[in-house]
N, C-alpha and C. Protein backbone atom coordinates (compact mmCIF):
# COMPACT_ATOMS: atom_id res chain seq x y z
N MET A 1 110.38 130.29 91.69
CA MET A 1 110.90 130.79 93.09
C MET A 1 111.93 131.75 93.08
N SER A 2 111.46 132.58 93.55
CA SER A 2 112.92 134.12 93.59
C SER A 2 114.19 133.20 94.85
N ALA A 3 115.03 134.53 94.23
CA ALA A 3 116.69 134.13 94.63
C ALA A 3 116.72 134.62 96.13
N GLY A 4 115.39 134.98 96.62
CA GLY A 4 115.56 134.82 98.15
C GLY A 4 115.16 133.38 98.77
N ALA A 5 114.02 132.99 98.17
CA ALA A 5 113.35 131.83 98.75
C ALA A 5 114.85 130.72 98.57
N HIS A 6 115.08 130.57 97.34
CA HIS A 6 116.71 129.66 97.58
C HIS A 6 117.43 129.88 99.45
N ALA A 7 117.57 130.96 98.45
CA ALA A 7 118.77 131.14 99.78
C ALA A 7 118.27 130.59 100.73
N ALA A 8 117.43 130.93 101.44
CA ALA A 8 116.28 130.39 102.54
C ALA A 8 116.79 128.81 102.72
N ALA A 9 116.01 128.73 101.71
CA ALA A 9 116.00 127.05 101.40
C ALA A 9 117.76 126.20 101.71
N ALA A 10 118.66 126.82 101.45
CA ALA A 10 119.81 126.31 101.45
C ALA A 10 120.03 126.47 102.76
N ALA A 11 120.14 127.65 102.95
CA ALA A 11 120.20 127.68 104.70
C ALA A 11 119.41 126.69 105.52
N ALA A 12 117.98 126.67 105.66
CA ALA A 12 118.01 125.51 106.23
C ALA A 12 118.26 123.90 105.69
N ALA A 13 118.96 123.71 104.17
CA ALA A 13 119.79 122.50 104.68
C ALA A 13 120.47 123.07 105.34
N THR A 14 121.12 123.83 104.79
CA THR A 14 123.02 123.85 106.16
C THR A 14 122.59 123.40 107.33
N ASN A 15 121.01 124.03 108.07
CA ASN A 15 120.85 124.18 109.53
C ASN A 15 120.72 121.99 109.98
N ARG A 16 120.05 122.13 108.89
CA ARG A 16 119.56 120.56 109.35
C ARG A 16 120.88 119.14 108.78
N LYS A 17 121.66 120.04 108.11
CA LYS A 17 123.20 119.13 107.98
C LYS A 17 123.69 118.95 109.13
N SER A 18 124.41 119.74 109.40
CA SER A 18 124.70 120.09 111.09
C SER A 18 124.20 120.02 112.84
N ALA A 19 122.60 118.83 111.88
CA ALA A 19 122.05 118.14 113.36
C ALA A 19 122.70 117.25 113.68
N PRO A 20 122.76 117.20 115.36
CA PRO A 20 123.68 115.82 115.26
C PRO A 20 122.63 114.87 114.92
N ARG A 21 122.90 113.60 114.23
CA ARG A 21 122.04 112.46 113.77
C ARG A 21 121.78 110.97 114.38
N LYS A 22 120.93 110.70 115.02
CA LYS A 22 120.54 109.80 115.72
C LYS A 22 120.69 108.48 114.85
N THR A 23 121.78 107.68 116.35
CA THR A 23 122.61 105.87 115.86
C THR A 23 121.04 105.22 116.56
N GLU A 24 121.08 104.76 115.71
CA GLU A 24 120.43 103.18 116.11
C GLU A 24 120.75 101.94 116.72
N ASN A 25 121.28 101.25 117.92
CA ASN A 25 122.39 100.42 117.91
C ASN A 25 122.01 99.48 117.54
N SER A 26 120.12 98.98 117.32
CA SER A 26 119.37 97.44 117.39
C SER A 26 119.62 97.44 115.38
N THR A 27 119.76 96.30 115.04
CA THR A 27 119.91 95.69 113.61
C THR A 27 118.04 96.92 113.12
N PRO A 28 118.03 96.28 111.44
CA PRO A 28 117.23 96.46 110.95
C PRO A 28 116.39 95.15 110.98
N SER A 29 114.58 95.72 111.17
CA SER A 29 114.39 93.92 110.90
C SER A 29 113.05 93.81 109.62
N GLY A 30 113.80 94.58 108.21
CA GLY A 30 112.68 94.86 107.52
C GLY A 30 113.57 95.34 106.54
N HIS A 31 112.72 95.59 105.32
CA HIS A 31 113.18 96.21 104.42
C HIS A 31 112.46 96.53 103.55
N PHE A 32 112.36 97.62 102.11
CA PHE A 32 111.57 98.77 101.53
C PHE A 32 111.22 97.43 100.68
N ALA A 33 110.42 97.16 100.00
CA ALA A 33 109.39 96.71 98.60
C ALA A 33 108.70 97.88 97.40
N ALA A 34 108.76 98.06 96.53
CA ALA A 34 108.11 98.66 96.23
C ALA A 34 107.26 98.76 95.43
N ILE A 35 105.76 99.04 95.91
CA ILE A 35 104.36 99.09 95.64
C ILE A 35 104.38 98.92 93.75
N TYR A 36 103.38 98.52 93.29
CA TYR A 36 103.35 98.77 91.87
C TYR A 36 101.71 98.17 91.91
N GLU A 37 100.80 99.53 90.80
CA GLU A 37 99.01 99.09 90.65
C GLU A 37 99.49 99.31 89.10
N ASN A 38 98.76 98.22 88.63
CA ASN A 38 98.66 98.83 87.45
C ASN A 38 99.61 98.30 86.23
N GLU A 39 100.48 97.85 87.13
CA GLU A 39 101.43 97.96 86.31
C GLU A 39 103.21 98.62 86.08
N ARG A 40 102.51 99.94 87.07
CA ARG A 40 103.07 100.98 87.65
C ARG A 40 103.83 101.41 88.30
N PHE A 41 104.55 102.31 89.05
CA PHE A 41 105.43 101.71 89.90
C PHE A 41 104.52 102.55 91.12
N VAL A 42 104.04 102.49 92.39
CA VAL A 42 103.89 103.92 93.10
C VAL A 42 104.45 104.35 94.13
N ARG A 43 104.95 103.66 95.14
CA ARG A 43 105.91 104.14 95.86
C ARG A 43 106.08 103.18 96.08
N PHE A 44 106.55 102.74 97.44
CA PHE A 44 107.70 102.21 98.30
C PHE A 44 107.25 102.17 99.19
N LYS A 45 106.95 100.81 100.02
CA LYS A 45 106.63 100.98 101.78
C LYS A 45 107.70 99.98 102.21
N TYR A 46 108.21 100.12 103.61
CA TYR A 46 108.11 99.00 104.77
C TYR A 46 108.14 98.19 105.40
N MET A 47 109.21 96.84 104.44
CA MET A 47 108.37 95.55 105.20
C MET A 47 108.60 94.70 106.36
N HIS A 48 108.64 94.74 107.19
CA HIS A 48 108.50 94.63 108.63
C HIS A 48 108.60 92.30 108.73
N ASN A 49 110.09 92.85 109.37
CA ASN A 49 110.01 90.90 109.50
C ASN A 49 110.03 90.16 110.83
N ASN A 50 109.33 91.01 111.22
CA ASN A 50 108.29 89.67 112.31
C ASN A 50 107.38 88.96 112.38
């Protein structure tokens, strides 16, 4: 990665952080569960409580 690419990435991160965040008024109705395949971690999956 060149120095110019790093500066551009840092500027993008700064712009993203200054953006207003969305606030959720509803209570979350789920959780994340770890998914394993062949006894190895693969990914997280969001499990809904519906």
